[in-house]
Amino acid sequence: MSTTLQHSMQDASSPAQTKIVILNGEIDESNQAELESLFSKLLSDSSIKNIVFQINNLEYINSSIIG
């Protein structure tokens, strides 16, 4: 089963060095690698000091992905 995960990023107006990650759709095993890649990219960027996840438009999150 393949599910859809859409994501976008934007810079926050305040505080500086904050990235907002907007997640839409579903998170499960079929897109886990995509999400891990996104997180790794964000965490390796030394210019980003804060990450805010906007998840209010997620329809589903498989709890095994969180752990």
C-alpha atoms as a PDB file:
ATOM      1  CA  MET A   1       0.000   0.000   0.000  1.00  0.00           C
ATOM      2  CA  SER A   2       1.358   3.399  -0.946  1.00  0.00           C
ATOM      3  CA  THR A   3       0.190   6.502   0.823  1.00  0.00           C
ATOM      4  CA  THR A   4       0.762  10.134   0.145  1.00  0.00           C
ATOM      5  CA  LEU A   5       2.846  12.464   2.242  1.00  0.00           C
ATOM      6  CA  GLN A   6       3.307  16.035   1.134  1.00  0.00           C
ATOM      7  CA  HIS A   7       5.667  18.400   2.847  1.00  0.00           C
ATOM      8  CA  SER A   8       6.828  21.934   2.420  1.00  0.00           C
ATOM      9  CA  MET A   9       9.124  24.192   4.376  1.00  0.00           C
ATOM     10  CA  GLN A  10       9.191  27.862   5.068  1.00  0.00           C
ATOM     11  CA  ASP A  11      11.255  30.211   7.157  1.00  0.00           C
ATOM     12  CA  ALA A  12       9.558  31.583  10.234  1.00  0.00           C
ATOM     13  CA  SER A  13       9.359  35.323  10.615  1.00  0.00           C
ATOM     14  CA  SER A  14      10.467  35.009  14.225  1.00  0.00           C
ATOM     15  CA  PRO A  15      12.632  33.747  15.798  1.00  0.00           C
ATOM     16  CA  ALA A  16      15.406  33.766  13.248  1.00  0.00           C
ATOM     17  CA  GLN A  17      16.952  30.446  12.200  1.00  0.00           C
ATOM     18  CA  THR A  18      13.594  28.679  12.532  1.00  0.00           C
ATOM     19  CA  LYS A  19      12.266  26.358   9.845  1.00  0.00           C
ATOM     20  CA  ILE A  20       8.576  25.425   9.696  1.00  0.00           C
ATOM     21  CA  VAL A  21       7.882  21.986   8.237  1.00  0.00           C
ATOM     22  CA  ILE A  22       4.311  21.564   7.022  1.00  0.00           C
ATOM     23  CA  LEU A  23       3.190  17.937   6.743  1.00  0.00           C
ATOM     24  CA  ASN A  24       0.012  16.854   4.941  1.00  0.00           C
ATOM     25  CA  GLY A  25      -1.446  13.448   4.146  1.00  0.00           C
ATOM     26  CA  GLU A  26      -0.416  10.216   5.831  1.00  0.00           C
ATOM     27  CA  ILE A  27       2.737   8.912   7.494  1.00  0.00           C
ATOM     28  CA  ASP A  28       3.331   5.162   7.421  1.00  0.00           C
ATOM     29  CA  GLU A  29       5.922   2.566   6.400  1.00  0.00           C
ATOM     30  CA  SER A  30       5.619   3.414   2.697  1.00  0.00           C
ATOM     31  CA  ASN A  31       7.016   6.925   3.164  1.00  0.00           C
ATOM     32  CA  GLN A  32       9.166   6.446   6.266  1.00  0.00           C
ATOM     33  CA  ALA A  33      12.431   6.709   4.288  1.00  0.00           C
ATOM     34  CA  GLU A  34      11.297   9.991   2.725  1.00  0.00           C
ATOM     35  CA  LEU A  35      10.507  11.425   6.149  1.00  0.00           C
ATOM     36  CA  GLU A  36      13.802  10.215   7.634  1.00  0.00           C
ATOM     37  CA  SER A  37      15.676  11.843   4.753  1.00  0.00           C
ATOM     38  CA  LEU A  38      13.860  15.131   5.345  1.00  0.00           C
ATOM     39  CA  PHE A  39      14.647  15.029   9.072  1.00  0.00           C
ATOM     40  CA  SER A  40      18.313  14.205   8.452  1.00  0.00           C
ATOM     41  CA  LYS A  41      18.625  17.113   6.042  1.00  0.00           C
ATOM     42  CA  LEU A  42      17.103  19.514   8.558  1.00  0.00           C
ATOM     43  CA  LEU A  43      19.188  18.262  11.482  1.00  0.00           C
ATOM     44  CA  SER A  44      22.445  18.461   9.540  1.00  0.00           C
ATOM     45  CA  ASP A  45      21.896  22.104   8.543  1.00  0.00           C
ATOM     46  CA  SER A  46      23.808  24.095  11.162  1.00  0.00           C
ATOM     47  CA  SER A  47      22.009  27.317  10.190  1.00  0.00           C
ATOM     48  CA  ILE A  48      18.710  25.911  11.498  1.00  0.00           C
ATOM     49  CA  LYS A  49      18.366  26.315  15.255  1.00  0.00           C
ATOM     50  CA  ASN A  50      14.632  25.588  15.654  1.00  0.00           C
ATOM     51  CA  ILE A  51      12.266  23.272  13.795  1.00  0.00           C
ATOM     52  CA  VAL A  52       8.485  23.602  14.085  1.00  0.00           C
ATOM     53  CA  PHE A  53       6.270  20.849  12.693  1.00  0.00           C
ATOM     54  CA  GLN A  54       2.796  21.828  11.542  1.00  0.00           C
ATOM     55  CA  ILE A  55       0.848  18.554  11.520  1.00  0.00           C
ATOM     56  CA  ASN A  56      -2.756  19.693  11.745  1.00  0.00           C
ATOM     57  CA  ASN A  57      -3.422  18.509   8.163  1.00  0.00           C
ATOM     58  CA  LEU A  58      -2.086  14.994   8.678  1.00  0.00           C
ATOM     59  CA  GLU A  59      -4.841  12.438   8.229  1.00  0.00           C
ATOM     60  CA  TYR A  60      -2.964   9.481   9.684  1.00  0.00           C
ATOM     61  CA  ILE A  61       0.271   8.704  11.549  1.00  0.00           C
ATOM     62  CA  ASN A  62       1.326   5.103  12.124  1.00  0.00           C
ATOM     63  CA  SER A  63       2.566   5.080  15.706  1.00  0.00           C
ATOM     64  CA  SER A  64       5.400   2.664  14.885  1.00  0.00           C
ATOM     65  CA  ILE A  65       7.019   5.412  12.792  1.00  0.00           C
ATOM     66  CA  ILE A  66       7.220   7.801  15.761  1.00  0.00           C
ATOM     67  CA  GLY A  67       9.308   5.523  17.979  1.00  0.00           C
END
